[in-house]
Protein backbone atom coordinates (compact mmCIF):
# COMPACT_ATOMS: atom_id res chain seq x y z
CA MET A 1 0.00 0.00 0.00
CA MET A 2 2.80 2.36 0.81
CA SER A 3 4.65 1.74 -2.43
CA ALA A 4 1.52 2.41 -4.53
CA MET A 5 0.99 5.67 -2.70
CA ALA A 6 4.66 6.66 -3.17
CA LYS A 7 4.41 5.93 -6.90
CA THR A 8 1.32 8.15 -7.30
CA ASN A 9 2.97 10.95 -5.33
CA LYS A 10 6.08 10.75 -7.53
CA SER A 11 4.03 10.77 -10.72
CA THR A 12 1.93 13.75 -9.61
CA THR A 13 5.00 15.73 -8.56
CA ARG A 14 6.62 14.99 -11.93
CA LYS A 15 3.50 16.20 -13.72
CA LYS A 16 3.46 19.37 -11.61
CA LEU A 17 7.12 20.03 -12.35
CA ALA A 18 6.58 19.41 -16.05
CA SER A 19 3.61 21.77 -16.10
CA LYS A 20 5.58 24.46 -14.26
CA LYS A 21 8.45 24.14 -16.73
CA SER A 22 6.15 24.40 -19.72
CA SER A 23 4.37 27.45 -18.29
CA ARG A 24 7.73 29.11 -17.72
CA ARG A 25 8.66 28.59 -21.34
CA THR A 26 5.55 30.30 -22.66
CA LEU A 27 6.00 33.47 -20.61
CA PRO A 28 7.96 36.23 -22.35
CA ARG A 29 11.24 37.22 -20.80
CA ILE A 30 11.64 40.74 -19.53
CA GLY A 31 13.66 42.92 -21.87
CA ARG A 32 13.24 40.62 -24.86
CA GLU A 33 10.59 42.59 -26.73
CA ILE A 34 10.92 43.03 -30.47
CA LEU A 35 11.38 46.63 -31.55
CA PHE A 36 10.26 47.41 -35.09
CA GLU A 37 11.90 50.83 -35.25
CA SER A 38 14.01 53.15 -33.14
CA ASP A 39 12.56 56.08 -31.23
CA SER A 40 14.16 58.60 -33.56
CA THR A 41 12.53 56.94 -36.58
CA TYR A 42 9.15 57.03 -34.83
CA LEU A 43 9.59 60.72 -33.96
CA LEU A 44 10.60 61.56 -37.53
CA LYS A 45 7.49 59.79 -38.86
CA LEU A 46 5.35 61.68 -36.36
CA VAL A 47 6.78 65.04 -37.44
CA VAL A 48 6.26 64.19 -41.14
CA VAL A 49 2.65 63.11 -40.53
CA VAL A 50 1.91 66.31 -38.58
CA ILE A 51 3.42 68.48 -41.34
CA LEU A 52 1.47 66.60 -44.04
CA GLY A 53 -1.74 66.93 -42.04
CA THR A 54 -1.39 70.70 -41.89
CA LEU A 55 -0.92 71.21 -45.64
CA TRP A 56 -4.12 72.57 -47.13
CA LEU A 57 -4.61 74.38 -50.42
CA LYS A 58 -6.98 77.20 -49.39
CA PHE A 59 -8.79 79.47 -51.82
CA SER A 60 -9.34 83.21 -51.30
CA THR A 61 -12.74 82.88 -53.01
CA PRO A 62 -14.51 79.54 -52.60
CA LEU A 63 -14.84 77.31 -55.65
CA VAL A 64 -18.26 75.86 -56.39
CA TRP A 65 -18.29 72.26 -57.56
CA LEU A 66 -21.68 70.54 -58.11
CA GLY A 67 -23.30 73.20 -55.96
CA ILE A 68 -20.89 72.60 -53.06
CA PRO A 69 -18.60 75.48 -52.10
CA LEU A 70 -14.99 74.34 -51.59
CA ASN A 71 -12.90 76.57 -49.35
CA ALA A 72 -9.85 74.30 -49.30
CA LEU A 73 -8.43 71.00 -50.51
CA PRO A 74 -6.53 68.71 -48.12
CA LEU A 75 -3.50 68.03 -50.33
CA GLY A 76 -1.27 67.03 -47.40
CA LEU A 77 -3.93 64.69 -46.06
CA LEU A 78 -4.14 62.87 -49.38
CA ALA A 79 -0.35 62.72 -49.73
CA GLY A 80 -0.06 61.48 -46.14
CA ILE A 81 -2.55 58.65 -46.71
CA ILE A 82 -0.61 57.50 -49.77
CA ALA A 83 2.74 57.79 -47.96
CA ILE A 84 1.52 55.81 -44.95
CA LYS A 85 0.10 53.11 -47.20
CA LEU A 86 3.40 52.78 -49.06
CA PHE A 87 5.94 53.01 -46.24
CA GLU A 88 4.32 51.47 -43.14
CA LYS A 89 4.57 47.68 -42.97
CA HIS A 90 2.43 46.80 -39.96
CA GLN A 91 -1.33 47.28 -40.07
CA SER A 92 -1.61 48.30 -36.43
CA ASP A 93 0.95 51.05 -36.99
CA ARG A 94 -0.90 52.22 -40.11
CA LYS A 95 -4.11 52.60 -38.10
CA ILE A 96 -2.35 54.80 -35.56
CA TRP A 97 -0.79 56.99 -38.27
CA TYR A 98 -4.13 57.33 -40.10
CA ALA A 99 -5.81 58.43 -36.87
CA VAL A 100 -3.08 61.01 -36.15
CA LEU A 101 -3.25 62.29 -39.73
CA VAL A 102 -7.04 62.71 -39.72
CA VAL A 103 -7.08 64.49 -36.33
CA ILE A 104 -4.30 66.88 -37.36
CA GLY A 105 -6.06 67.47 -40.71
CA ILE A 106 -9.36 68.35 -39.05
CA VAL A 107 -7.74 70.64 -36.48
CA SER A 108 -5.58 72.40 -39.07
CA TYR A 109 -8.62 73.15 -41.25
CA PHE A 110 -9.79 75.69 -38.68
CA VAL A 111 -6.32 77.13 -38.07
CA PRO A 112 -5.03 79.79 -40.47
CA ALA A 113 -2.32 77.49 -41.85
CA GLY A 114 -1.86 76.33 -45.40
CA ILE A 115 -1.21 77.65 -48.86
CA VAL A 116 -3.67 80.35 -49.91
CA VAL A 117 -4.34 80.69 -53.63
C-alpha cells in the first residue's frame, strides 16, 4: 500500500514540475521585446505626418463644384494617406498613423495654416 501511494505521489509531482516548466517557457522574458523601429525613426514619422496633415490648399474665393462650395483641398492629407500606405509595414501602426493624420487634418482646417491661392 505504501509503495503504490509513493508511486502516485512521484508521478503527480513529476507532472506538476513538467507543467511548471512548460508554463515558464511560454511566458515572455523581460527585456526581450521586439522593436520594429528606433525612437528617432518614430519621432521623424510623427513630425512628417503632422506636417502633411497641416498642408491645405486654401482658396481666397470659394470654388463651387456641383453646388458645393470648396474653401480648401486637403493636399497634405491625401499625400499622407498615400505615404503611410506605401511606407508602413504593420497594419496596427498604419491605423495609428491614419488616426493622427485625420485628427491633425481636421484641427488644421480651422487654423489659419496652409497655402492660400
